[in-house]
Protein backbone atom coordinates (compact mmCIF):
# COMPACT_ATOMS: atom_id res chain seq x y z
CA THR A 1 -89.08 10.25 -12.79
CA VAL A 2 -87.65 7.13 -12.22
CA GLU A 3 -84.20 6.51 -9.96
CA ILE A 4 -81.49 4.64 -10.51
CA PHE A 5 -80.28 3.07 -8.46
CA HIS A 6 -76.48 1.10 -8.18
CA ARG A 7 -76.13 -0.67 -4.78
CA ASP A 8 -73.00 -1.54 -4.70
CA ILE A 9 -71.05 0.98 -4.63
CA ARG A 10 -67.81 -0.34 -3.36
CA ALA A 11 -63.74 -0.10 -4.34
CA GLU A 12 -64.43 -3.37 -7.23
CA ASN A 13 -66.63 -2.15 -8.90
CA ILE A 14 -65.21 1.40 -10.24
CA LEU A 15 -62.87 0.87 -12.86
CA ILE A 16 -60.23 2.92 -14.58
CA THR A 17 -59.72 4.53 -17.97
CA LEU A 18 -56.19 4.43 -20.27
CA ASN A 19 -57.63 8.69 -19.25
CA GLU A 20 -57.86 7.86 -15.24
CA THR A 21 -61.60 8.41 -15.64
CA ALA A 22 -63.70 6.21 -13.25
CA LYS A 23 -66.34 3.93 -14.22
CA LEU A 24 -68.88 2.25 -12.35
CA ALA A 25 -69.10 -1.26 -13.06
CA ASN A 26 -71.02 -4.64 -12.06
CA PHE A 27 -74.81 -3.77 -12.42
CA LYS A 28 -76.08 -6.70 -11.32
CA LEU A 29 -77.88 -5.62 -8.48
CA ILE A 30 -79.33 -2.53 -10.53
CA ARG A 31 -82.88 -1.00 -9.81
CA SER A 32 -84.75 1.73 -10.59
CA GLN A 33 -87.35 2.78 -8.01
CA PRO A 34 -89.82 5.40 -8.10
CA GLY A 35 -89.76 7.33 -5.45
CA GLY A 36 -87.04 5.86 -4.69
CA GLN A 37 -88.83 3.43 -2.02
CA ALA A 38 -87.76 -0.45 -2.03
CA ILE A 39 -86.99 -2.92 0.71
CA CYS A 40 -83.29 -3.85 0.70
CA PHE A 41 -82.59 -7.36 -1.02
CA PRO A 42 -82.01 -10.41 1.49
CA ASN A 43 -78.66 -11.81 0.49
CA LEU A 44 -76.32 -9.45 0.66
CA ASN A 45 -71.98 -11.45 1.06
CA LEU A 46 -69.69 -9.82 3.77
CA ASP A 47 -67.72 -7.97 0.94
CA GLN A 48 -71.10 -5.94 0.01
CA THR A 49 -71.50 -5.28 4.00
CA ARG A 50 -68.46 -3.83 4.71
CA TYR A 51 -69.82 -0.30 2.58
CA CYS A 52 -73.93 -0.55 3.69
CA ALA A 53 -75.13 2.33 5.33
CA PRO A 54 -77.10 1.50 8.27
CA GLU A 55 -80.67 1.74 6.25
CA LEU A 56 -79.44 -0.88 4.48
CA LEU A 57 -78.30 -3.07 7.20
CA GLU A 58 -81.19 -2.10 9.20
CA GLY A 59 -83.38 -3.71 5.82
CA VAL A 60 -82.01 -6.50 5.87
CA LEU A 61 -84.06 -7.05 9.14
CA ASN A 62 -86.80 -6.62 6.55
CA TYR A 63 -87.58 -2.75 7.16
CA LYS A 64 -87.48 -0.13 4.27
CA TYR A 65 -85.00 2.27 3.79
CA GLU A 66 -84.14 5.21 1.70
CA GLN A 67 -82.21 3.56 -1.33
CA ARG A 68 -80.15 7.20 -1.56
CA CYS A 69 -78.62 7.44 1.53
CA GLY A 70 -77.05 3.79 1.15
CA GLU A 71 -75.43 5.67 -2.80
CA VAL A 72 -74.23 8.03 -0.74
CA TYR A 73 -73.23 6.13 2.69
CA SER A 74 -71.63 4.01 -0.04
CA PHE A 75 -69.40 6.17 -1.87
CA GLY A 76 -68.26 7.59 1.53
CA ILE A 77 -67.16 4.46 2.92
CA LEU A 78 -65.26 4.73 -0.89
CA LEU A 79 -63.64 7.64 0.06
CA TRP A 80 -62.40 6.90 3.07
CA GLU A 81 -60.80 3.49 1.40
CA ILE A 82 -58.73 5.43 -0.92
CA ALA A 83 -57.48 7.73 1.88
CA GLU A 84 -56.59 4.93 4.10
CA GLU A 85 -55.88 2.12 1.51
CA ARG A 86 -57.46 -0.94 3.47
CA ILE A 87 -61.17 -2.35 3.21
CA PRO A 88 -63.90 -1.27 6.46
CA HIS A 89 -64.17 -2.89 8.78
CA GLN A 90 -61.24 -4.99 8.42
CA GLY A 91 -61.70 -8.00 11.34
CA ILE A 92 -64.34 -8.53 11.30
CA ASN A 93 -65.51 -11.55 9.79
CA GLY A 94 -69.12 -11.89 10.14
CA ILE A 95 -72.06 -9.72 8.57
CA ARG A 96 -73.76 -9.72 12.00
CA ASP A 97 -70.57 -8.25 13.85
CA ILE A 98 -70.89 -4.90 10.96
CA ILE A 99 -74.55 -5.21 11.57
CA ASP A 100 -74.38 -4.58 15.08
CA LYS A 101 -71.10 -2.32 14.76
CA VAL A 102 -72.83 0.18 12.73
CA CYS A 103 -76.11 0.20 13.47
CA ASN A 104 -76.64 -0.65 17.48
CA LYS A 105 -72.59 0.52 17.85
CA LYS A 106 -73.61 3.85 15.37
CA TYR A 107 -69.73 3.14 14.53
CA ARG A 108 -67.62 4.54 11.72
CA GLU A 109 -63.95 3.84 10.26
CA PRO A 110 -61.67 7.16 11.32
CA PHE A 111 -58.87 8.82 9.67
CA SER A 112 -54.77 7.98 10.89
CA GLU A 113 -53.85 10.90 12.25
CA ASN A 114 -51.02 10.25 9.06
CA SER A 115 -53.74 10.15 5.90
CA GLN A 116 -53.05 12.57 3.08
CA MET A 117 -57.08 12.98 2.03
CA PRO A 118 -57.73 17.15 1.63
CA GLU A 119 -59.23 18.18 4.70
CA LYS A 120 -62.96 18.71 2.11
CA PHE A 121 -62.75 15.48 0.83
CA LYS A 122 -62.61 14.37 4.23
CA GLN A 123 -65.48 16.12 5.68
CA LEU A 124 -67.57 15.69 2.43
CA GLU A 125 -66.69 11.62 3.71
CA ILE A 126 -67.66 12.57 6.77
CA GLU A 127 -71.26 14.17 5.70
CA GLY A 128 -71.28 11.05 4.16
CA MET A 129 -72.05 9.04 6.50
């Protein structure tokens, strides 16, 4: 079978219809790969980097990664962004700084104490990251 990977799951690529149905948009980076293995694309911008899994960020440094994991991680970050109503890694202005924080320091964005996100969705987000 061939798996399809979007590779750019983030808030600005989600459209909401009049019926309140979410639709994934912006398929410029989509790839299909037998078995799910690929080499990371090297031209990430800062906004894309904010949603990238550690495996993908390490891929920027020319490693292979399992794309499935990257999609799950990006979805987890998207859930966090919806709950917190702010962009991930706010205040960090460099791609290398995000890579260092996520890959080397193992940082994950925490939920605020007054978060309205239901616990089961928080757990889903945490498991995704």
